[in-house]
Amino acid sequence: MKHLIVALVSAGSLLVSVAAFAQSTAAPAPAAPAAAPAQASTSAAVPVPGAKRAACQSAAKALKGQERHDQMQLCMAQAHLDCLKQAIDQKIVGPQRKDFVKSCAG
């Protein structure tokens, strides 16, 4: 029974992170002048601080103790990976990528 609950919560958190990722990439980027394409890509999708952390906390809400802790770690690792993929897609490099991933994952 516990494994079923963990599997359901894991699937739910994965769906939430996929939905958040889809929403962040579905918005059309505003038209930018050709002189500043690097800045346009970094400012096009500004992440909402703490949104993914809140989604992970709500997904792990039903669990207790070590299972809750493990679920939070897995969910936050997935959120970090999603943010890294988003930064790579937007061609954000260097210190800006680190800042973007940190602010995106929450």
PDB file of N, CA and C in Angstrom:
ATOM      1  N   MET A   1       0.824  -1.187   0.000  1.00  0.00           N
ATOM      2  CA  MET A   1       0.000   0.000   0.000  1.00  0.00           C
ATOM      3  C   MET A   1       0.872   1.256   0.000  1.00  0.00           C
ATOM      4  N   LYS A   2       1.942   1.240   0.796  1.00  0.00           N
ATOM      5  CA  LYS A   2       2.819   2.405   0.856  1.00  0.00           C
ATOM      6  C   LYS A   2       3.489   2.651  -0.494  1.00  0.00           C
ATOM      7  N   HIS A   3       3.845   1.569  -1.168  1.00  0.00           N
ATOM      8  CA  HIS A   3       4.502   1.721  -2.470  1.00  0.00           C
ATOM      9  C   HIS A   3       3.540   2.319  -3.498  1.00  0.00           C
ATOM     10  N   LEU A   4       2.285   1.962  -3.395  1.00  0.00           N
ATOM     11  CA  LEU A   4       1.284   2.518  -4.298  1.00  0.00           C
ATOM     12  C   LEU A   4       1.139   4.018  -4.080  1.00  0.00           C
ATOM     13  N   ILE A   5       1.101   4.437  -2.828  1.00  0.00           N
ATOM     14  CA  ILE A   5       0.983   5.863  -2.516  1.00  0.00           C
ATOM     15  C   ILE A   5       2.211   6.618  -3.009  1.00  0.00           C
ATOM     16  N   VAL A   6       3.390   6.055  -2.778  1.00  0.00           N
ATOM     17  CA  VAL A   6       4.628   6.698  -3.241  1.00  0.00           C
ATOM     18  C   VAL A   6       4.628   6.799  -4.761  1.00  0.00           C
ATOM     19  N   ALA A   7       4.185   5.753  -5.437  1.00  0.00           N
ATOM     20  CA  ALA A   7       4.143   5.774  -6.900  1.00  0.00           C
ATOM     21  C   ALA A   7       3.160   6.831  -7.397  1.00  0.00           C
ATOM     22  N   LEU A   8       2.000   6.928  -6.761  1.00  0.00           N
ATOM     23  CA  LEU A   8       1.016   7.928  -7.161  1.00  0.00           C
ATOM     24  C   LEU A   8       1.513   9.347  -6.922  1.00  0.00           C
ATOM     25  N   VAL A   9       2.142   9.567  -5.786  1.00  0.00           N
ATOM     26  CA  VAL A   9       2.672  10.897  -5.485  1.00  0.00           C
ATOM     27  C   VAL A   9       3.807  11.238  -6.450  1.00  0.00           C
ATOM     28  N   SER A  10       4.637  10.268  -6.752  1.00  0.00           N
ATOM     29  CA  SER A  10       5.729  10.492  -7.704  1.00  0.00           C
ATOM     30  C   SER A  10       5.185  10.847  -9.079  1.00  0.00           C
ATOM     31  N   ALA A  11       4.184  10.103  -9.515  1.00  0.00           N
ATOM     32  CA  ALA A  11       3.582  10.391 -10.810  1.00  0.00           C
ATOM     33  C   ALA A  11       2.928  11.778 -10.801  1.00  0.00           C
ATOM     34  N   GLY A  12       2.276  12.120  -9.704  1.00  0.00           N
ATOM     35  CA  GLY A  12       1.656  13.440  -9.607  1.00  0.00           C
ATOM     36  C   GLY A  12       2.674  14.562  -9.651  1.00  0.00           C
ATOM     37  N   SER A  13       3.777  14.377  -8.940  1.00  0.00           N
ATOM     38  CA  SER A  13       4.796  15.428  -8.948  1.00  0.00           C
ATOM     39  C   SER A  13       5.448  15.544 -10.317  1.00  0.00           C
ATOM     40  N   LEU A  14       5.602  14.423 -10.997  1.00  0.00           N
ATOM     41  CA  LEU A  14       6.153  14.461 -12.346  1.00  0.00           C
ATOM     42  C   LEU A  14       5.208  15.207 -13.286  1.00  0.00           C
ATOM     43  N   LEU A  15       3.922  14.958 -13.159  1.00  0.00           N
ATOM     44  CA  LEU A  15       2.949  15.661 -13.987  1.00  0.00           C
ATOM     45  C   LEU A  15       2.957  17.158 -13.702  1.00  0.00           C
ATOM     46  N   VAL A  16       3.079  17.537 -12.436  1.00  0.00           N
ATOM     47  CA  VAL A  16       3.110  18.947 -12.070  1.00  0.00           C
ATOM     48  C   VAL A  16       4.354  19.612 -12.666  1.00  0.00           C
ATOM     49  N   SER A  17       5.497  18.931 -12.577  1.00  0.00           N
ATOM     50  CA  SER A  17       6.721  19.531 -13.108  1.00  0.00           C
ATOM     51  C   SER A  17       6.674  19.616 -14.631  1.00  0.00           C
ATOM     52  N   VAL A  18       6.088  18.617 -15.293  1.00  0.00           N
ATOM     53  CA  VAL A  18       5.952  18.669 -16.749  1.00  0.00           C
ATOM     54  C   VAL A  18       5.005  19.795 -17.152  1.00  0.00           C
ATOM     55  N   ALA A  19       3.920  19.946 -16.405  1.00  0.00           N
ATOM     56  CA  ALA A  19       2.975  21.028 -16.709  1.00  0.00           C
ATOM     57  C   ALA A  19       3.630  22.392 -16.510  1.00  0.00           C
ATOM     58  N   ALA A  20       4.401  22.534 -15.446  1.00  0.00           N
ATOM     59  CA  ALA A  20       5.088  23.806 -15.201  1.00  0.00           C
ATOM     60  C   ALA A  20       6.103  24.084 -16.297  1.00  0.00           C
ATOM     61  N   PHE A  21       6.816  23.042 -16.719  1.00  0.00           N
ATOM     62  CA  PHE A  21       7.799  23.211 -17.785  1.00  0.00           C
ATOM     63  C   PHE A  21       7.105  23.563 -19.101  1.00  0.00           C
ATOM     64  N   ALA A  22       5.994  22.912 -19.389  1.00  0.00           N
ATOM     65  CA  ALA A  22       5.265  23.195 -20.628  1.00  0.00           C
ATOM     66  C   ALA A  22       4.733  24.617 -20.636  1.00  0.00           C
ATOM     67  N   GLN A  23       4.255  25.100 -19.501  1.00  0.00           N
ATOM     68  CA  GLN A  23       3.754  26.463 -19.430  1.00  0.00           C
ATOM     69  C   GLN A  23       4.871  27.472 -19.596  1.00  0.00           C
ATOM     70  N   SER A  24       6.041  27.159 -19.064  1.00  0.00           N
ATOM     71  CA  SER A  24       7.139  28.118 -19.146  1.00  0.00           C
ATOM     72  C   SER A  24       7.705  28.195 -20.553  1.00  0.00           C
ATOM     73  N   THR A  25       7.595  27.129 -21.351  1.00  0.00           N
ATOM     74  CA  THR A  25       8.130  27.165 -22.702  1.00  0.00           C
ATOM     75  C   THR A  25       7.062  27.457 -23.744  1.00  0.00           C
ATOM     76  N   ALA A  26       5.778  27.406 -23.371  1.00  0.00           N
ATOM     77  CA  ALA A  26       4.708  27.627 -24.339  1.00  0.00           C
ATOM     78  C   ALA A  26       4.482  29.107 -24.623  1.00  0.00           C
ATOM     79  N   ALA A  27       4.885  29.985 -23.730  1.00  0.00           N
ATOM     80  CA  ALA A  27       4.670  31.416 -23.922  1.00  0.00           C
ATOM     81  C   ALA A  27       5.562  31.921 -25.049  1.00  0.00           C
ATOM     82  N   PRO A  28       4.993  32.631 -26.019  1.00  0.00           N
ATOM     83  CA  PRO A  28       5.814  33.147 -27.117  1.00  0.00           C
ATOM     84  C   PRO A  28       6.748  34.244 -26.611  1.00  0.00           C
ATOM     85  N   ALA A  29       7.964  34.226 -27.101  1.00  0.00           N
ATOM     86  CA  ALA A  29       8.952  35.229 -26.715  1.00  0.00           C
ATOM     87  C   ALA A  29       8.645  36.536 -27.437  1.00  0.00           C
ATOM     88  N   PRO A  30       8.801  37.664 -26.756  1.00  0.00           N
ATOM     89  CA  PRO A  30       8.544  38.945 -27.407  1.00  0.00           C
ATOM     90  C   PRO A  30       9.600  39.218 -28.475  1.00  0.00           C
ATOM     91  N   ALA A  31       9.207  39.956 -29.485  1.00  0.00           N
ATOM     92  CA  ALA A  31      10.139  40.295 -30.550  1.00  0.00           C
ATOM     93  C   ALA A  31      11.229  41.193 -29.989  1.00  0.00           C
ATOM     94  N   ALA A  32      12.473  40.828 -30.249  1.00  0.00           N
ATOM     95  CA  ALA A  32      13.609  41.591 -29.738  1.00  0.00           C
ATOM     96  C   ALA A  32      14.472  42.057 -30.903  1.00  0.00           C
ATOM     97  N   PRO A  33      15.154  43.170 -30.751  1.00  0.00           N
ATOM     98  CA  PRO A  33      16.051  43.627 -31.813  1.00  0.00           C
ATOM     99  C   PRO A  33      17.194  42.638 -32.000  1.00  0.00           C
ATOM    100  N   ALA A  34      17.726  42.583 -33.203  1.00  0.00           N
ATOM    101  CA  ALA A  34      18.789  41.629 -33.522  1.00  0.00           C
ATOM    102  C   ALA A  34      20.081  41.934 -32.775  1.00  0.00           C
ATOM    103  N   ALA A  35      20.235  43.117 -32.249  1.00  0.00           N
ATOM    104  CA  ALA A  35      21.470  43.502 -31.575  1.00  0.00           C
ATOM    105  C   ALA A  35      21.624  42.831 -30.210  1.00  0.00           C
ATOM    106  N   ALA A  36      20.545  42.382 -29.578  1.00  0.00           N
ATOM    107  CA  ALA A  36      20.636  41.811 -28.238  1.00  0.00           C
ATOM    108  C   ALA A  36      19.922  40.463 -28.118  1.00  0.00           C
ATOM    109  N   PRO A  37      20.305  39.444 -28.916  1.00  0.00           N
ATOM    110  CA  PRO A  37      19.611  38.162 -28.811  1.00  0.00           C
ATOM    111  C   PRO A  37      19.925  37.415 -27.522  1.00  0.00           C
ATOM    112  N   ALA A  38      21.126  37.570 -26.959  1.00  0.00           N
ATOM    113  CA  ALA A  38      21.474  36.854 -25.732  1.00  0.00           C
ATOM    114  C   ALA A  38      20.660  37.363 -24.549  1.00  0.00           C
ATOM    115  N   GLN A  39      20.491  38.668 -24.463  1.00  0.00           N
ATOM    116  CA  GLN A  39      19.712  39.221 -23.360  1.00  0.00           C
ATOM    117  C   GLN A  39      18.238  38.892 -23.526  1.00  0.00           C
ATOM    118  N   ALA A  40      17.743  38.861 -24.734  1.00  0.00           N
ATOM    119  CA  ALA A  40      16.336  38.544 -24.964  1.00  0.00           C
ATOM    120  C   ALA A  40      16.026  37.125 -24.505  1.00  0.00           C
ATOM    121  N   SER A  41      16.959  36.186 -24.726  1.00  0.00           N
ATOM    122  CA  SER A  41      16.679  34.805 -24.327  1.00  0.00           C
ATOM    123  C   SER A  41      16.739  34.635 -22.811  1.00  0.00           C
ATOM    124  N   THR A  42      17.570  35.414 -22.113  1.00  0.00           N
ATOM    125  CA  THR A  42      17.648  35.269 -20.662  1.00  0.00           C
ATOM    126  C   THR A  42      16.493  35.963 -19.965  1.00  0.00           C
ATOM    127  N   SER A  43      15.956  37.004 -20.579  1.00  0.00           N
ATOM    128  CA  SER A  43      14.861  37.709 -19.930  1.00  0.00           C
ATOM    129  C   SER A  43      13.499  37.223 -20.418  1.00  0.00           C
ATOM    130  N   ALA A  44      13.459  36.342 -21.405  1.00  0.00           N
ATOM    131  CA  ALA A  44      12.190  35.885 -21.962  1.00  0.00           C
ATOM    132  C   ALA A  44      11.409  35.037 -20.967  1.00  0.00           C
ATOM    133  N   ALA A  45      12.095  34.179 -20.229  1.00  0.00           N
ATOM    134  CA  ALA A  45      11.395  33.304 -19.283  1.00  0.00           C
ATOM    135  C   ALA A  45      12.012  33.465 -17.899  1.00  0.00           C
ATOM    136  N   VAL A  46      11.493  34.394 -17.138  1.00  0.00           N
ATOM    137  CA  VAL A  46      11.967  34.609 -15.778  1.00  0.00           C
ATOM    138  C   VAL A  46      11.186  33.663 -14.875  1.00  0.00           C
ATOM    139  N   PRO A  47      11.879  32.761 -14.181  1.00  0.00           N
ATOM    140  CA  PRO A  47      11.178  31.785 -13.353  1.00  0.00           C
ATOM    141  C   PRO A  47      10.538  32.433 -12.122  1.00  0.00           C
ATOM    142  N   VAL A  48       9.459  31.844 -11.674  1.00  0.00           N
ATOM    143  CA  VAL A  48       8.788  32.302 -10.461  1.00  0.00           C
ATOM    144  C   VAL A  48       9.479  31.634  -9.284  1.00  0.00           C
ATOM    145  N   PRO A  49      10.102  32.410  -8.385  1.00  0.00           N
ATOM    146  CA  PRO A  49      10.836  31.800  -7.279  1.00  0.00           C
ATOM    147  C   PRO A  49       9.919  30.995  -6.363  1.00  0.00           C
ATOM    148  N   GLY A  50      10.327  29.774  -6.068  1.00  0.00           N
ATOM    149  CA  GLY A  50       9.609  28.939  -5.120  1.00  0.00           C
ATOM    150  C   GLY A  50       8.430  28.175  -5.677  1.00  0.00           C
ATOM    151  N   ALA A  51       8.086  28.345  -6.951  1.00  0.00           N
ATOM    152  CA  ALA A  51       6.918  27.663  -7.503  1.00  0.00           C
ATOM    153  C   ALA A  51       7.124  26.156  -7.544  1.00  0.00           C
ATOM    154  N   LYS A  52       8.298  25.738  -7.964  1.00  0.00           N
ATOM    155  CA  LYS A  52       8.552  24.300  -8.048  1.00  0.00           C
ATOM    156  C   LYS A  52       8.698  23.690  -6.662  1.00  0.00           C
ATOM    157  N   ARG A  53       9.292  24.420  -5.748  1.00  0.00           N
ATOM    158  CA  ARG A  53       9.410  23.923  -4.371  1.00  0.00           C
ATOM    159  C   ARG A  53       8.028  23.744  -3.757  1.00  0.00           C
ATOM    160  N   ALA A  54       7.146  24.694  -4.005  1.00  0.00           N
ATOM    161  CA  ALA A  54       5.783  24.592  -3.479  1.00  0.00           C
ATOM    162  C   ALA A  54       5.056  23.395  -4.086  1.00  0.00           C
ATOM    163  N   ALA A  55       5.280  23.143  -5.370  1.00  0.00           N
ATOM    164  CA  ALA A  55       4.663  21.984  -6.015  1.00  0.00           C
ATOM    165  C   ALA A  55       5.181  20.688  -5.402  1.00  0.00           C
ATOM    166  N   CYS A  56       6.466  20.646  -5.101  1.00  0.00           N
ATOM    167  CA  CYS A  56       7.043  19.451  -4.477  1.00  0.00           C
ATOM    168  C   CYS A  56       6.499  19.256  -3.065  1.00  0.00           C
ATOM    169  N   GLN A  57       6.350  20.345  -2.336  1.00  0.00           N
ATOM    170  CA  GLN A  57       5.831  20.236  -0.973  1.00  0.00           C
ATOM    171  C   GLN A  57       4.388  19.750  -0.980  1.00  0.00           C
ATOM    172  N   SER A  58       3.603  20.230  -1.912  1.00  0.00           N
ATOM    173  CA  SER A  58       2.214  19.777  -1.966  1.00  0.00           C
ATOM    174  C   SER A  58       2.126  18.321  -2.409  1.00  0.00           C
ATOM    175  N   ALA A  59       3.049  17.888  -3.262  1.00  0.00           N
ATOM    176  CA  ALA A  59       3.046  16.499  -3.707  1.00  0.00           C
ATOM    177  C   ALA A  59       3.453  15.553  -2.577  1.00  0.00           C
ATOM    178  N   ALA A  60       4.313  16.006  -1.670  1.00  0.00           N
ATOM    179  CA  ALA A  60       4.795  15.160  -0.580  1.00  0.00           C
ATOM    180  C   ALA A  60       3.972  15.330   0.696  1.00  0.00           C
ATOM    181  N   LYS A  61       2.933  16.123   0.623  1.00  0.00           N
ATOM    182  CA  LYS A  61       2.144  16.451   1.806  1.00  0.00           C
ATOM    183  C   LYS A  61       1.533  15.220   2.483  1.00  0.00           C
ATOM    184  N   ALA A  62       1.111  14.251   1.700  1.00  0.00           N
ATOM    185  CA  ALA A  62       0.429  13.076   2.246  1.00  0.00           C
ATOM    186  C   ALA A  62       1.388  12.094   2.907  1.00  0.00           C
ATOM    187  N   LEU A  63       2.677  12.262   2.678  1.00  0.00           N
ATOM    188  CA  LEU A  63       3.657  11.319   3.211  1.00  0.00           C
ATOM    189  C   LEU A  63       4.190  11.788   4.551  1.00  0.00           C
ATOM    190  N   LYS A  64       4.823  10.874   5.260  1.00  0.00           N
ATOM    191  CA  LYS A  64       5.394  11.175   6.574  1.00  0.00           C
ATOM    192  C   LYS A  64       6.835  10.681   6.643  1.00  0.00           C
ATOM    193  N   GLY A  65       7.605  11.320   7.490  1.00  0.00           N
ATOM    194  CA  GLY A  65       8.948  10.867   7.831  1.00  0.00           C
ATOM    195  C   GLY A  65       9.898  10.754   6.651  1.00  0.00           C
ATOM    196  N   GLN A  66      10.585   9.618   6.590  1.00  0.00           N
ATOM    197  CA  GLN A  66      11.623   9.406   5.584  1.00  0.00           C
ATOM    198  C   GLN A  66      11.038   9.391   4.168  1.00  0.00           C
ATOM    199  N   GLU A  67       9.835   8.842   4.005  1.00  0.00           N
ATOM    200  CA  GLU A  67       9.221   8.815   2.680  1.00  0.00           C
ATOM    201  C   GLU A  67       8.969  10.232   2.164  1.00  0.00           C
ATOM    202  N   ARG A  68       8.540  11.108   3.052  1.00  0.00           N
ATOM    203  CA  ARG A  68       8.312  12.507   2.668  1.00  0.00           C
ATOM    204  C   ARG A  68       9.632  13.172   2.281  1.00  0.00           C
ATOM    205  N   HIS A  69      10.653  12.929   3.079  1.00  0.00           N
ATOM    206  CA  HIS A  69      11.973  13.499   2.801  1.00  0.00           C
ATOM    207  C   HIS A  69      12.510  12.995   1.457  1.00  0.00           C
ATOM    208  N   ASP A  70      12.381  11.693   1.219  1.00  0.00           N
ATOM    209  CA  ASP A  70      12.855  11.110  -0.041  1.00  0.00           C
ATOM    210  C   ASP A  70      12.091  11.677  -1.230  1.00  0.00           C
ATOM    211  N   GLN A  71      10.775  11.809  -1.084  1.00  0.00           N
ATOM    212  CA  GLN A  71       9.959  12.347  -2.170  1.00  0.00           C
ATOM    213  C   GLN A  71      10.345  13.790  -2.477  1.00  0.00           C
ATOM    214  N   MET A  72      10.590  14.581  -1.428  1.00  0.00           N
ATOM    215  CA  MET A  72      11.012  15.976  -1.634  1.00  0.00           C
ATOM    216  C   MET A  72      12.341  16.031  -2.374  1.00  0.00           C
ATOM    217  N   GLN A  73      13.276  15.173  -1.990  1.00  0.00           N
ATOM    218  CA  GLN A  73      14.575  15.163  -2.660  1.00  0.00           C
ATOM    219  C   GLN A  73      14.429  14.789  -4.128  1.00  0.00           C
ATOM    220  N   LEU A  74      13.640  13.759  -4.422  1.00  0.00           N
ATOM    221  CA  LEU A  74      13.439  13.347  -5.809  1.00  0.00           C
ATOM    222  C   LEU A  74      12.755  14.441  -6.624  1.00  0.00           C
ATOM    223  N   CYS A  75      11.746  15.035  -6.047  1.00  0.00           N
ATOM    224  CA  CYS A  75      10.997  16.077  -6.749  1.00  0.00           C
ATOM    225  C   CYS A  75      11.874  17.304  -7.021  1.00  0.00           C
ATOM    226  N   MET A  76      12.653  17.718  -6.030  1.00  0.00           N
ATOM    227  CA  MET A  76      13.522  18.882  -6.216  1.00  0.00           C
ATOM    228  C   MET A  76      14.642  18.584  -7.220  1.00  0.00           C
ATOM    229  N   ALA A  77      15.125  17.347  -7.228  1.00  0.00           N
ATOM    230  CA  ALA A  77      16.138  16.975  -8.227  1.00  0.00           C
ATOM    231  C   ALA A  77      15.532  17.034  -9.627  1.00  0.00           C
ATOM    232  N   GLN A  78      14.291  16.577  -9.770  1.00  0.00           N
ATOM    233  CA  GLN A  78      13.612  16.655 -11.067  1.00  0.00           C
ATOM    234  C   GLN A  78      13.377  18.115 -11.457  1.00  0.00           C
ATOM    235  N   ALA A  79      13.005  18.948 -10.508  1.00  0.00           N
ATOM    236  CA  ALA A  79      12.798  20.368 -10.788  1.00  0.00           C
ATOM    237  C   ALA A  79      14.106  21.029 -11.223  1.00  0.00           C
ATOM    238  N   HIS A  80      15.196  20.674 -10.561  1.00  0.00           N
ATOM    239  CA  HIS A  80      16.513  21.216 -10.931  1.00  0.00           C
ATOM    240  C   HIS A  80      16.867  20.793 -12.352  1.00  0.00           C
ATOM    241  N   LEU A  81      16.622  19.528 -12.676  1.00  0.00           N
ATOM    242  CA  LEU A  81      16.913  19.032 -14.014  1.00  0.00           C
ATOM    243  C   LEU A  81      16.056  19.737 -15.060  1.00  0.00           C
ATOM    244  N   ASP A  82      14.777  19.949 -14.766  1.00  0.00           N
ATOM    245  CA  ASP A  82      13.893  20.667 -15.688  1.00  0.00           C
ATOM    246  C   ASP A  82      14.385  22.099 -15.923  1.00  0.00           C
ATOM    247  N   CYS A  83      14.828  22.746 -14.853  1.00  0.00           N
ATOM    248  CA  CYS A  83      15.341  24.121 -14.986  1.00  0.00           C
ATOM    249  C   CYS A  83      16.633  24.143 -15.795  1.00  0.00           C
ATOM    250  N   LEU A  84      17.479  23.152 -15.598  1.00  0.00           N
ATOM    251  CA  LEU A  84      18.723  23.071 -16.362  1.00  0.00           C
ATOM    252  C   LEU A  84      18.421  22.868 -17.842  1.00  0.00           C
ATOM    253  N   LYS A  85      17.467  21.990 -18.149  1.00  0.00           N
ATOM    254  CA  LYS A  85      17.070  21.782 -19.548  1.00  0.00           C
ATOM    255  C   LYS A  85      16.532  23.068 -20.155  1.00  0.00           C
ATOM    256  N   GLN A  86      15.752  23.808 -19.379  1.00  0.00           N
ATOM    257  CA  GLN A  86      15.204  25.075 -19.857  1.00  0.00           C
ATOM    258  C   GLN A  86      16.321  26.074 -20.128  1.00  0.00           C
ATOM    259  N   ALA A  87      17.308  26.132 -19.257  1.00  0.00           N
ATOM    260  CA  ALA A  87      18.440  27.050 -19.454  1.00  0.00           C
ATOM    261  C   ALA A  87      19.241  26.667 -20.698  1.00  0.00           C
ATOM    262  N   ILE A  88      19.402  25.372 -20.917  1.00  0.00           N
ATOM    263  CA  ILE A  88      20.129  24.912 -22.101  1.00  0.00           C
ATOM    264  C   ILE A  88      19.346  25.258 -23.364  1.00  0.00           C
ATOM    265  N   ASP A  89      18.033  25.042 -23.350  1.00  0.00           N
ATOM    266  CA  ASP A  89      17.198  25.382 -24.510  1.00  0.00           C
ATOM    267  C   ASP A  89      17.256  26.868 -24.827  1.00  0.00           C
ATOM    268  N   GLN A  90      17.361  27.691 -23.788  1.00  0.00           N
ATOM    269  CA  GLN A  90      17.419  29.141 -23.988  1.00  0.00           C
ATOM    270  C   GLN A  90      18.848  29.628 -24.227  1.00  0.00           C
ATOM    271  N   LYS A  91      19.791  28.681 -24.245  1.00  0.00           N
ATOM    272  CA  LYS A  91      21.204  28.982 -24.507  1.00  0.00           C
ATOM    273  C   LYS A  91      21.792  29.963 -23.491  1.00  0.00           C
ATOM    274  N   ILE A  92      21.419  29.775 -22.228  1.00  0.00           N
ATOM    275  CA  ILE A  92      21.971  30.569 -21.137  1.00  0.00           C
ATOM    276  C   ILE A  92      23.249  29.880 -20.685  1.00  0.00           C
ATOM    277  N   VAL A  93      24.345  30.628 -20.594  1.00  0.00           N
ATOM    278  CA  VAL A  93      25.638  30.039 -20.250  1.00  0.00           C
ATOM    279  C   VAL A  93      26.295  30.809 -19.105  1.00  0.00           C
ATOM    280  N   GLY A  94      27.321  30.196 -18.548  1.00  0.00           N
ATOM    281  CA  GLY A  94      28.139  30.848 -17.529  1.00  0.00           C
ATOM    282  C   GLY A  94      27.410  31.078 -16.223  1.00  0.00           C
ATOM    283  N   PRO A  95      27.788  32.152 -15.532  1.00  0.00           N
ATOM    284  CA  PRO A  95      27.163  32.457 -14.236  1.00  0.00           C
ATOM    285  C   PRO A  95      25.662  32.713 -14.345  1.00  0.00           C
ATOM    286  N   GLN A  96      25.212  33.198 -15.507  1.00  0.00           N
ATOM    287  CA  GLN A  96      23.786  33.443 -15.689  1.00  0.00           C
ATOM    288  C   GLN A  96      23.008  32.130 -15.623  1.00  0.00           C
ATOM    289  N   ARG A  97      23.589  31.036 -16.161  1.00  0.00           N
ATOM    290  CA  ARG A  97      22.912  29.740 -16.106  1.00  0.00           C
ATOM    291  C   ARG A  97      22.766  29.276 -14.657  1.00  0.00           C
ATOM    292  N   LYS A  98      23.826  29.428 -13.877  1.00  0.00           N
ATOM    293  CA  LYS A  98      23.782  29.018 -12.482  1.00  0.00           C
ATOM    294  C   LYS A  98      22.714  29.801 -11.723  1.00  0.00           C
ATOM    295  N   ASP A  99      22.679  31.114 -11.945  1.00  0.00           N
ATOM    296  CA  ASP A  99      21.665  31.945 -11.295  1.00  0.00           C
ATOM    297  C   ASP A  99      20.262  31.582 -11.742  1.00  0.00           C
ATOM    298  N   PHE A 100      20.112  31.318 -13.053  1.00  0.00           N
ATOM    299  CA  PHE A 100      18.801  30.960 -13.584  1.00  0.00           C
ATOM    300  C   PHE A 100      18.286  29.660 -12.961  1.00  0.00           C
ATOM    301  N   VAL A 101      19.140  28.640 -12.930  1.00  0.00           N
ATOM    302  CA  VAL A 101      18.728  27.335 -12.384  1.00  0.00           C
ATOM    303  C   VAL A 101      18.412  27.462 -10.896  1.00  0.00           C
ATOM    304  N   LYS A 102      19.224  28.241 -10.188  1.00  0.00           N
ATOM    305  CA  LYS A 102      18.990  28.427  -8.734  1.00  0.00           C
ATOM    306  C   LYS A 102      17.660  29.122  -8.492  1.00  0.00           C
ATOM    307  N   SER A 103      17.353  30.162  -9.239  1.00  0.00           N
ATOM    308  CA  SER A 103      16.100  30.888  -9.034  1.00  0.00           C
ATOM    309  C   SER A 103      14.910  30.107  -9.561  1.00  0.00           C
ATOM    310  N   CYS A 104      15.107  29.341 -10.610  1.00  0.00           N
ATOM    311  CA  CYS A 104      14.016  28.566 -11.211  1.00  0.00           C
ATOM    312  C   CYS A 104      13.589  27.429 -10.287  1.00  0.00           C
ATOM    313  N   ALA A 105      14.540  26.684  -9.751  1.00  0.00           N
ATOM    314  CA  ALA A 105      14.218  25.522  -8.923  1.00  0.00           C
ATOM    315  C   ALA A 105      13.699  25.948  -7.561  1.00  0.00           C
ATOM    316  N   GLY A 106      14.026  27.135  -7.135  1.00  0.00           N
ATOM    317  CA  GLY A 106      13.475  27.648  -5.874  1.00  0.00           C
ATOM    318  C   GLY A 106      14.375  27.390  -4.721  1.00  0.00           C
TER     319      GLY A 106
END
